[in-house]
Full PDB file with SEQRES, HELIX, SHEET, SSBOND, CRYST1, ORIGX, SCALE, CONECT and MASTER records, all heavy atoms in Angstrom:
SEQRES   1 A   32  SER LEU ARG LEU THR CYS VAL VAL SER GLY TRP GLU PHE          
SEQRES   2 A   32  ARG ASN TYR GLY MET GLY TRP SER ARG GLN ALA PRO GLY          
SEQRES   3 A   32  LYS GLU ARG GLN ILE VAL                                      
HELIX    1 AA1 PHE A   13  ASN A   15  5                                   3    
SHEET    1 AA1 2 SER A  21  ARG A  22  0                                        
SHEET    2 AA1 2 GLN A  30  ILE A  31 -1                                        
CRYST1    1.000    1.000    1.000  90.00  90.00  90.00 P 1           1          
ORIGX1      1.000000  0.000000  0.000000        0.00000                         
ORIGX2      0.000000  1.000000  0.000000        0.00000                         
ORIGX3      0.000000  0.000000  1.000000        0.00000                         
SCALE1      1.000000  0.000000  0.000000        0.00000                         
SCALE2      0.000000  1.000000  0.000000        0.00000                         
SCALE3      0.000000  0.000000  1.000000        0.00000                         
ATOM      1  N   SER A   1      -5.854 -29.744  10.611  1.00  0.00           N  
ATOM      2  CA  SER A   1      -5.918 -29.510   9.178  1.00  0.00           C  
ATOM      3  C   SER A   1      -6.789 -28.307   8.871  1.00  0.00           C  
ATOM      4  O   SER A   1      -7.730 -27.991   9.609  1.00  0.00           O  
ATOM      5  CB  SER A   1      -6.491 -30.728   8.453  1.00  0.00           C  
ATOM      6  OG  SER A   1      -5.654 -31.859   8.589  1.00  0.00           O  
ATOM      7  N   LEU A   2      -6.476 -27.646   7.778  1.00  0.00           N  
ATOM      8  CA  LEU A   2      -7.287 -26.573   7.233  1.00  0.00           C  
ATOM      9  C   LEU A   2      -7.297 -26.692   5.716  1.00  0.00           C  
ATOM     10  O   LEU A   2      -6.331 -27.176   5.131  1.00  0.00           O  
ATOM     11  CB  LEU A   2      -6.740 -25.194   7.611  1.00  0.00           C  
ATOM     12  CG  LEU A   2      -6.938 -24.685   9.033  1.00  0.00           C  
ATOM     13  CD1 LEU A   2      -6.141 -23.397   9.228  1.00  0.00           C  
ATOM     14  CD2 LEU A   2      -8.406 -24.445   9.324  1.00  0.00           C  
ATOM     15  N   ARG A   3      -8.367 -26.229   5.102  1.00  0.00           N  
ATOM     16  CA  ARG A   3      -8.404 -26.097   3.658  1.00  0.00           C  
ATOM     17  C   ARG A   3      -8.668 -24.643   3.293  1.00  0.00           C  
ATOM     18  O   ARG A   3      -9.711 -24.090   3.642  1.00  0.00           O  
ATOM     19  CB  ARG A   3      -9.471 -26.984   3.013  1.00  0.00           C  
ATOM     20  CG  ARG A   3      -9.359 -26.986   1.481  1.00  0.00           C  
ATOM     21  CD  ARG A   3     -10.322 -27.916   0.801  1.00  0.00           C  
ATOM     22  NE  ARG A   3     -11.679 -27.395   0.787  1.00  0.00           N  
ATOM     23  CZ  ARG A   3     -12.615 -27.763  -0.081  1.00  0.00           C  
ATOM     24  NH1 ARG A   3     -12.339 -28.677  -0.998  1.00  0.00           N  
ATOM     25  NH2 ARG A   3     -13.827 -27.251   0.000  1.00  0.00           N  
ATOM     26  N   LEU A   4      -7.726 -24.050   2.598  1.00  0.00           N  
ATOM     27  CA  LEU A   4      -7.868 -22.684   2.129  1.00  0.00           C  
ATOM     28  C   LEU A   4      -8.502 -22.678   0.743  1.00  0.00           C  
ATOM     29  O   LEU A   4      -8.254 -23.562  -0.073  1.00  0.00           O  
ATOM     30  CB  LEU A   4      -6.514 -21.983   2.075  1.00  0.00           C  
ATOM     31  CG  LEU A   4      -5.683 -21.995   3.363  1.00  0.00           C  
ATOM     32  CD1 LEU A   4      -4.416 -21.171   3.170  1.00  0.00           C  
ATOM     33  CD2 LEU A   4      -6.493 -21.494   4.545  1.00  0.00           C  
ATOM     34  N   THR A   5      -9.300 -21.661   0.485  1.00  0.00           N  
ATOM     35  CA  THR A   5      -9.990 -21.509  -0.782  1.00  0.00           C  
ATOM     36  C   THR A   5      -9.674 -20.143  -1.369  1.00  0.00           C  
ATOM     37  O   THR A   5      -9.623 -19.146  -0.646  1.00  0.00           O  
ATOM     38  CB  THR A   5     -11.506 -21.661  -0.593  1.00  0.00           C  
ATOM     39  OG1 THR A   5     -11.798 -22.974  -0.113  1.00  0.00           O  
ATOM     40  CG2 THR A   5     -12.239 -21.457  -1.916  1.00  0.00           C  
ATOM     41  N   CYS A   6      -9.469 -20.108  -2.667  1.00  0.00           N  
ATOM     42  CA  CYS A   6      -9.205 -18.868  -3.388  1.00  0.00           C  
ATOM     43  C   CYS A   6     -10.141 -18.801  -4.585  1.00  0.00           C  
ATOM     44  O   CYS A   6     -10.064 -19.650  -5.474  1.00  0.00           O  
ATOM     45  CB  CYS A   6      -7.747 -18.820  -3.833  1.00  0.00           C  
ATOM     46  SG  CYS A   6      -7.313 -17.432  -4.894  1.00  0.00           S  
ATOM     47  N   VAL A   7     -11.006 -17.811  -4.599  1.00  0.00           N  
ATOM     48  CA  VAL A   7     -11.952 -17.609  -5.690  1.00  0.00           C  
ATOM     49  C   VAL A   7     -11.506 -16.409  -6.508  1.00  0.00           C  
ATOM     50  O   VAL A   7     -11.271 -15.330  -5.963  1.00  0.00           O  
ATOM     51  CB  VAL A   7     -13.380 -17.410  -5.160  1.00  0.00           C  
ATOM     52  CG1 VAL A   7     -14.349 -17.211  -6.324  1.00  0.00           C  
ATOM     53  CG2 VAL A   7     -13.810 -18.605  -4.319  1.00  0.00           C  
ATOM     54  N   VAL A   8     -11.414 -16.601  -7.822  1.00  0.00           N  
ATOM     55  CA  VAL A   8     -10.810 -15.630  -8.723  1.00  0.00           C  
ATOM     56  C   VAL A   8     -11.820 -15.170  -9.769  1.00  0.00           C  
ATOM     57  O   VAL A   8     -12.651 -15.949 -10.235  1.00  0.00           O  
ATOM     58  CB  VAL A   8      -9.579 -16.252  -9.412  1.00  0.00           C  
ATOM     59  CG1 VAL A   8      -9.087 -15.379 -10.551  1.00  0.00           C  
ATOM     60  CG2 VAL A   8      -8.473 -16.491  -8.402  1.00  0.00           C  
ATOM     61  N   SER A   9     -11.717 -13.910 -10.148  1.00  0.00           N  
ATOM     62  CA  SER A   9     -12.470 -13.391 -11.280  1.00  0.00           C  
ATOM     63  C   SER A   9     -11.646 -12.308 -11.969  1.00  0.00           C  
ATOM     64  O   SER A   9     -10.730 -11.742 -11.380  1.00  0.00           O  
ATOM     65  CB  SER A   9     -13.830 -12.833 -10.849  1.00  0.00           C  
ATOM     66  OG  SER A   9     -13.676 -11.738  -9.965  1.00  0.00           O  
ATOM     67  N   GLY A  10     -11.963 -12.028 -13.235  1.00  0.00           N  
ATOM     68  CA  GLY A  10     -11.313 -10.951 -13.957  1.00  0.00           C  
ATOM     69  C   GLY A  10     -10.310 -11.374 -15.015  1.00  0.00           C  
ATOM     70  O   GLY A  10      -9.774 -10.513 -15.711  1.00  0.00           O  
ATOM     71  N   TRP A  11     -10.037 -12.661 -15.147  1.00  0.00           N  
ATOM     72  CA  TRP A  11      -9.195 -13.173 -16.229  1.00  0.00           C  
ATOM     73  C   TRP A  11      -9.589 -14.609 -16.561  1.00  0.00           C  
ATOM     74  O   TRP A  11     -10.387 -15.219 -15.855  1.00  0.00           O  
ATOM     75  CB  TRP A  11      -7.713 -13.057 -15.884  1.00  0.00           C  
ATOM     76  CG  TRP A  11      -7.193 -14.031 -14.855  1.00  0.00           C  
ATOM     77  CD1 TRP A  11      -6.810 -15.323 -15.083  1.00  0.00           C  
ATOM     78  CD2 TRP A  11      -6.965 -13.788 -13.467  1.00  0.00           C  
ATOM     79  NE1 TRP A  11      -6.370 -15.907 -13.913  1.00  0.00           N  
ATOM     80  CE2 TRP A  11      -6.450 -14.982 -12.905  1.00  0.00           C  
ATOM     81  CE3 TRP A  11      -7.157 -12.690 -12.638  1.00  0.00           C  
ATOM     82  CZ2 TRP A  11      -6.113 -15.108 -11.563  1.00  0.00           C  
ATOM     83  CZ3 TRP A  11      -6.826 -12.812 -11.293  1.00  0.00           C  
ATOM     84  CH2 TRP A  11      -6.306 -13.997 -10.773  1.00  0.00           C  
ATOM     85  N   GLU A  12      -9.009 -15.116 -17.639  1.00  0.00           N  
ATOM     86  CA  GLU A  12      -9.269 -16.492 -18.039  1.00  0.00           C  
ATOM     87  C   GLU A  12      -8.519 -17.423 -17.094  1.00  0.00           C  
ATOM     88  O   GLU A  12      -7.355 -17.763 -17.313  1.00  0.00           O  
ATOM     89  CB  GLU A  12      -8.845 -16.721 -19.482  1.00  0.00           C  
ATOM     90  CG  GLU A  12      -9.676 -15.978 -20.516  1.00  0.00           C  
ATOM     91  CD  GLU A  12     -11.056 -16.575 -20.710  1.00  0.00           C  
ATOM     92  OE1 GLU A  12     -11.302 -17.700 -20.217  1.00  0.00           O  
ATOM     93  OE2 GLU A  12     -11.905 -15.926 -21.345  1.00  0.00           O  
ATOM     94  N   PHE A  13      -9.196 -17.834 -16.067  1.00  0.00           N  
ATOM     95  CA  PHE A  13      -8.573 -18.574 -14.977  1.00  0.00           C  
ATOM     96  C   PHE A  13      -7.843 -19.819 -15.466  1.00  0.00           C  
ATOM     97  O   PHE A  13      -6.725 -20.112 -15.020  1.00  0.00           O  
ATOM     98  CB  PHE A  13      -9.637 -18.951 -13.946  1.00  0.00           C  
ATOM     99  CG  PHE A  13      -9.126 -19.765 -12.797  1.00  0.00           C  
ATOM    100  CD1 PHE A  13      -8.406 -19.172 -11.774  1.00  0.00           C  
ATOM    101  CD2 PHE A  13      -9.368 -21.124 -12.733  1.00  0.00           C  
ATOM    102  CE1 PHE A  13      -7.942 -19.919 -10.706  1.00  0.00           C  
ATOM    103  CE2 PHE A  13      -8.912 -21.884 -11.672  1.00  0.00           C  
ATOM    104  CZ  PHE A  13      -8.198 -21.283 -10.655  1.00  0.00           C  
ATOM    105  N   ARG A  14      -8.438 -20.547 -16.384  1.00  0.00           N  
ATOM    106  CA  ARG A  14      -7.876 -21.822 -16.815  1.00  0.00           C  
ATOM    107  C   ARG A  14      -6.609 -21.676 -17.650  1.00  0.00           C  
ATOM    108  O   ARG A  14      -5.945 -22.685 -17.927  1.00  0.00           O  
ATOM    109  CB  ARG A  14      -8.919 -22.618 -17.604  1.00  0.00           C  
ATOM    110  CG  ARG A  14      -9.335 -21.970 -18.921  1.00  0.00           C  
ATOM    111  CD  ARG A  14     -10.391 -22.806 -19.609  1.00  0.00           C  
ATOM    112  NE  ARG A  14     -10.834 -22.221 -20.860  1.00  0.00           N  
ATOM    113  CZ  ARG A  14     -11.743 -22.751 -21.656  1.00  0.00           C  
ATOM    114  NH1 ARG A  14     -12.328 -23.894 -21.324  1.00  0.00           N  
ATOM    115  NH2 ARG A  14     -12.079 -22.137 -22.783  1.00  0.00           N  
ATOM    116  N   ASN A  15      -6.247 -20.445 -18.036  1.00  0.00           N  
ATOM    117  CA  ASN A  15      -5.057 -20.228 -18.849  1.00  0.00           C  
ATOM    118  C   ASN A  15      -3.797 -19.942 -18.038  1.00  0.00           C  
ATOM    119  O   ASN A  15      -2.717 -19.771 -18.617  1.00  0.00           O  
ATOM    120  CB  ASN A  15      -5.279 -19.079 -19.828  1.00  0.00           C  
ATOM    121  CG  ASN A  15      -6.283 -19.423 -20.903  1.00  0.00           C  
ATOM    122  OD1 ASN A  15      -6.601 -20.588 -21.134  1.00  0.00           O  
ATOM    123  ND2 ASN A  15      -6.793 -18.402 -21.571  1.00  0.00           N  
ATOM    124  N   TYR A  16      -3.912 -19.871 -16.716  1.00  0.00           N  
ATOM    125  CA  TYR A  16      -2.796 -19.458 -15.876  1.00  0.00           C  
ATOM    126  C   TYR A  16      -2.545 -20.434 -14.744  1.00  0.00           C  
ATOM    127  O   TYR A  16      -3.475 -20.970 -14.135  1.00  0.00           O  
ATOM    128  CB  TYR A  16      -3.061 -18.073 -15.283  1.00  0.00           C  
ATOM    129  CG  TYR A  16      -3.059 -16.964 -16.301  1.00  0.00           C  
ATOM    130  CD1 TYR A  16      -4.209 -16.642 -17.000  1.00  0.00           C  
ATOM    131  CD2 TYR A  16      -1.893 -16.245 -16.555  1.00  0.00           C  
ATOM    132  CE1 TYR A  16      -4.207 -15.624 -17.940  1.00  0.00           C  
ATOM    133  CE2 TYR A  16      -1.890 -15.226 -17.492  1.00  0.00           C  
ATOM    134  CZ  TYR A  16      -3.043 -14.921 -18.182  1.00  0.00           C  
ATOM    135  OH  TYR A  16      -3.035 -13.909 -19.107  1.00  0.00           O  
ATOM    136  N   GLY A  17      -1.259 -20.633 -14.468  1.00  0.00           N  
ATOM    137  CA  GLY A  17      -0.895 -21.338 -13.261  1.00  0.00           C  
ATOM    138  C   GLY A  17      -1.179 -20.478 -12.039  1.00  0.00           C  
ATOM    139  O   GLY A  17      -1.143 -19.253 -12.098  1.00  0.00           O  
ATOM    140  N   MET A  18      -1.444 -21.141 -10.924  1.00  0.00           N  
ATOM    141  CA  MET A  18      -1.787 -20.449  -9.685  1.00  0.00           C  
ATOM    142  C   MET A  18      -0.931 -20.966  -8.538  1.00  0.00           C  
ATOM    143  O   MET A  18      -0.603 -22.155  -8.477  1.00  0.00           O  
ATOM    144  CB  MET A  18      -3.259 -20.646  -9.344  1.00  0.00           C  
ATOM    145  CG  MET A  18      -4.232 -20.090 -10.370  1.00  0.00           C  
ATOM    146  SD  MET A  18      -4.213 -18.269 -10.433  1.00  0.00           S  
ATOM    147  CE  MET A  18      -4.760 -17.867  -8.775  1.00  0.00           C  
ATOM    148  N   GLY A  19      -0.588 -20.066  -7.643  1.00  0.00           N  
ATOM    149  CA  GLY A  19       0.223 -20.442  -6.498  1.00  0.00           C  
ATOM    150  C   GLY A  19      -0.314 -19.900  -5.184  1.00  0.00           C  
ATOM    151  O   GLY A  19      -1.128 -18.973  -5.160  1.00  0.00           O  
ATOM    152  N   TRP A  20       0.156 -20.513  -4.135  1.00  0.00           N  
ATOM    153  CA  TRP A  20      -0.081 -20.028  -2.779  1.00  0.00           C  
ATOM    154  C   TRP A  20       1.246 -19.587  -2.176  1.00  0.00           C  
ATOM    155  O   TRP A  20       2.251 -20.295  -2.291  1.00  0.00           O  
ATOM    156  CB  TRP A  20      -0.688 -21.110  -1.884  1.00  0.00           C  
ATOM    157  CG  TRP A  20      -2.136 -21.402  -2.145  1.00  0.00           C  
ATOM    158  CD1 TRP A  20      -2.654 -22.347  -2.968  1.00  0.00           C  
ATOM    159  CD2 TRP A  20      -3.252 -20.736  -1.553  1.00  0.00           C  
ATOM    160  NE1 TRP A  20      -4.024 -22.327  -2.934  1.00  0.00           N  
ATOM    161  CE2 TRP A  20      -4.419 -21.341  -2.069  1.00  0.00           C  
ATOM    162  CE3 TRP A  20      -3.385 -19.695  -0.632  1.00  0.00           C  
ATOM    163  CZ2 TRP A  20      -5.702 -20.935  -1.699  1.00  0.00           C  
ATOM    164  CZ3 TRP A  20      -4.656 -19.289  -0.268  1.00  0.00           C  
ATOM    165  CH2 TRP A  20      -5.792 -19.911  -0.799  1.00  0.00           C  
ATOM    166  N   SER A  21       1.245 -18.433  -1.545  1.00  0.00           N  
ATOM    167  CA  SER A  21       2.400 -17.949  -0.812  1.00  0.00           C  
ATOM    168  C   SER A  21       2.008 -17.698   0.632  1.00  0.00           C  
ATOM    169  O   SER A  21       0.821 -17.656   0.971  1.00  0.00           O  
ATOM    170  CB  SER A  21       2.952 -16.667  -1.437  1.00  0.00           C  
ATOM    171  OG  SER A  21       2.049 -15.588  -1.249  1.00  0.00           O  
ATOM    172  N   ARG A  22       3.016 -17.539   1.470  1.00  0.00           N  
ATOM    173  CA  ARG A  22       2.758 -17.174   2.851  1.00  0.00           C  
ATOM    174  C   ARG A  22       3.837 -16.217   3.329  1.00  0.00           C  
ATOM    175  O   ARG A  22       4.954 -16.208   2.818  1.00  0.00           O  
ATOM    176  CB  ARG A  22       2.697 -18.404   3.758  1.00  0.00           C  
ATOM    177  CG  ARG A  22       4.015 -19.146   3.929  1.00  0.00           C  
ATOM    178  CD  ARG A  22       3.797 -20.425   4.718  1.00  0.00           C  
ATOM    179  NE  ARG A  22       5.044 -21.139   4.953  1.00  0.00           N  
ATOM    180  CZ  ARG A  22       5.109 -22.354   5.479  1.00  0.00           C  
ATOM    181  NH1 ARG A  22       3.994 -23.003   5.819  1.00  0.00           N  
ATOM    182  NH2 ARG A  22       6.297 -22.938   5.665  1.00  0.00           N  
ATOM    183  N   GLN A  23       3.481 -15.428   4.318  1.00  0.00           N  
ATOM    184  CA  GLN A  23       4.422 -14.503   4.916  1.00  0.00           C  
ATOM    185  C   GLN A  23       4.235 -14.519   6.423  1.00  0.00           C  
ATOM    186  O   GLN A  23       3.167 -14.173   6.933  1.00  0.00           O  
ATOM    187  CB  GLN A  23       4.239 -13.090   4.371  1.00  0.00           C  
ATOM    188  CG  GLN A  23       5.326 -12.134   4.818  1.00  0.00           C  
ATOM    189  CD  GLN A  23       5.381 -10.871   3.978  1.00  0.00           C  
ATOM    190  OE1 GLN A  23       4.401 -10.469   3.379  1.00  0.00           O  
ATOM    191  NE2 GLN A  23       6.551 -10.248   3.946  1.00  0.00           N  
ATOM    192  N   ALA A  24       5.282 -14.930   7.118  1.00  0.00           N  
ATOM    193  CA  ALA A  24       5.292 -14.954   8.566  1.00  0.00           C  
ATOM    194  C   ALA A  24       5.907 -13.669   9.092  1.00  0.00           C  
ATOM    195  O   ALA A  24       6.646 -12.984   8.371  1.00  0.00           O  
ATOM    196  CB  ALA A  24       6.075 -16.162   9.069  1.00  0.00           C  
ATOM    197  N   PRO A  25       5.630 -13.311  10.341  1.00  0.00           N  
ATOM    198  CA  PRO A  25       6.201 -12.090  10.904  1.00  0.00           C  
ATOM    199  C   PRO A  25       7.721 -12.065  10.805  1.00  0.00           C  
ATOM    200  O   PRO A  25       8.395 -13.019  11.191  1.00  0.00           O  
ATOM    201  CB  PRO A  25       5.743 -12.123  12.362  1.00  0.00           C  
ATOM    202  CG  PRO A  25       4.489 -12.929  12.333  1.00  0.00           C  
ATOM    203  CD  PRO A  25       4.722 -13.980  11.282  1.00  0.00           C  
ATOM    204  N   GLY A  26       8.261 -10.981  10.274  1.00  0.00           N  
ATOM    205  CA  GLY A  26       9.699 -10.820  10.158  1.00  0.00           C  
ATOM    206  C   GLY A  26      10.353 -11.593   9.045  1.00  0.00           C  
ATOM    207  O   GLY A  26      11.587 -11.568   8.934  1.00  0.00           O  
ATOM    208  N   LYS A  27       9.577 -12.280   8.206  1.00  0.00           N  
ATOM    209  CA  LYS A  27      10.127 -13.073   7.124  1.00  0.00           C  
ATOM    210  C   LYS A  27       9.597 -12.602   5.781  1.00  0.00           C  
ATOM    211  O   LYS A  27       8.550 -11.958   5.699  1.00  0.00           O  
ATOM    212  CB  LYS A  27       9.803 -14.555   7.322  1.00  0.00           C  
ATOM    213  CG  LYS A  27      10.434 -15.173   8.556  1.00  0.00           C  
ATOM    214  CD  LYS A  27      10.182 -16.664   8.611  1.00  0.00           C  
ATOM    215  CE  LYS A  27      10.872 -17.302   9.800  1.00  0.00           C  
ATOM    216  NZ  LYS A  27      10.634 -18.774   9.850  1.00  0.00           N  
ATOM    217  N   GLU A  28      10.331 -12.943   4.736  1.00  0.00           N  
ATOM    218  CA  GLU A  28       9.912 -12.607   3.388  1.00  0.00           C  
ATOM    219  C   GLU A  28       8.823 -13.553   2.907  1.00  0.00           C  
ATOM    220  O   GLU A  28       8.667 -14.668   3.410  1.00  0.00           O  
ATOM    221  CB  GLU A  28      11.104 -12.650   2.435  1.00  0.00           C  
ATOM    222  CG  GLU A  28      12.178 -11.620   2.741  1.00  0.00           C  
ATOM    223  CD  GLU A  28      13.321 -11.657   1.753  1.00  0.00           C  
ATOM    224  OE1 GLU A  28      13.401 -12.616   0.963  1.00  0.00           O  
ATOM    225  OE2 GLU A  28      14.137 -10.720   1.763  1.00  0.00           O  
ATOM    226  N   ARG A  29       8.086 -13.091   1.920  1.00  0.00           N  
ATOM    227  CA  ARG A  29       7.064 -13.935   1.327  1.00  0.00           C  
ATOM    228  C   ARG A  29       7.705 -15.148   0.665  1.00  0.00           C  
ATOM    229  O   ARG A  29       8.732 -15.058  -0.003  1.00  0.00           O  
ATOM    230  CB  ARG A  29       6.250 -13.138   0.312  1.00  0.00           C  
ATOM    231  CG  ARG A  29       5.210 -13.960  -0.417  1.00  0.00           C  
ATOM    232  CD  ARG A  29       4.313 -13.093  -1.279  1.00  0.00           C  
ATOM    233  NE  ARG A  29       3.468 -12.224  -0.475  1.00  0.00           N  
ATOM    234  CZ  ARG A  29       2.377 -11.632  -0.936  1.00  0.00           C  
ATOM    235  NH1 ARG A  29       1.992 -11.823  -2.199  1.00  0.00           N  
ATOM    236  NH2 ARG A  29       1.673 -10.836  -0.143  1.00  0.00           N  
ATOM    237  N   GLN A  30       7.068 -16.305   0.839  1.00  0.00           N  
ATOM    238  CA  GLN A  30       7.586 -17.567   0.334  1.00  0.00           C  
ATOM    239  C   GLN A  30       6.482 -18.295  -0.421  1.00  0.00           C  
ATOM    240  O   GLN A  30       5.374 -18.453   0.088  1.00  0.00           O  
ATOM    241  CB  GLN A  30       8.081 -18.443   1.491  1.00  0.00           C  
ATOM    242  CG  GLN A  30       8.549 -19.828   1.092  1.00  0.00           C  
ATOM    243  CD  GLN A  30       8.800 -20.713   2.288  1.00  0.00           C  
ATOM    244  OE1 GLN A  30       8.044 -20.683   3.268  1.00  0.00           O  
ATOM    245  NE2 GLN A  30       9.859 -21.510   2.236  1.00  0.00           N  
ATOM    246  N   ILE A  31       6.792 -18.757  -1.635  1.00  0.00           N  
ATOM    247  CA  ILE A  31       5.868 -19.603  -2.366  1.00  0.00           C  
ATOM    248  C   ILE A  31       5.877 -20.991  -1.735  1.00  0.00           C  
ATOM    249  O   ILE A  31       6.936 -21.602  -1.580  1.00  0.00           O  
ATOM    250  CB  ILE A  31       6.241 -19.703  -3.853  1.00  0.00           C  
ATOM    251  CG1 ILE A  31       6.285 -18.314  -4.502  1.00  0.00           C  
ATOM    252  CG2 ILE A  31       5.269 -20.622  -4.591  1.00  0.00           C  
ATOM    253  CD1 ILE A  31       4.936 -17.621  -4.550  1.00  0.00           C  
ATOM    254  N   VAL A  32       4.712 -21.494  -1.372  1.00  0.00           N  
ATOM    255  CA  VAL A  32       4.643 -22.814  -0.759  1.00  0.00           C  
ATOM    256  C   VAL A  32       4.087 -23.868  -1.707  1.00  0.00           C  
ATOM    257  O   VAL A  32       4.393 -25.057  -1.539  1.00  0.00           O  
ATOM    258  CB  VAL A  32       3.831 -22.794   0.549  1.00  0.00           C  
ATOM    259  CG1 VAL A  32       4.512 -21.894   1.574  1.00  0.00           C  
ATOM    260  CG2 VAL A  32       2.394 -22.348   0.312  1.00  0.00           C  
TER     261      VAL A  32                                                      
MASTER        0    0    0    1    2    0    0    6  260    1    0    3          
END                                                                             
């Protein structure tokens, strides 16, 4: 298991939905 963390600044964080994406070698970016 792993836990990833994303810390944000520069906008009203609570007003926006947030997503995680990933990109593997040779593949397109995918929202997970």
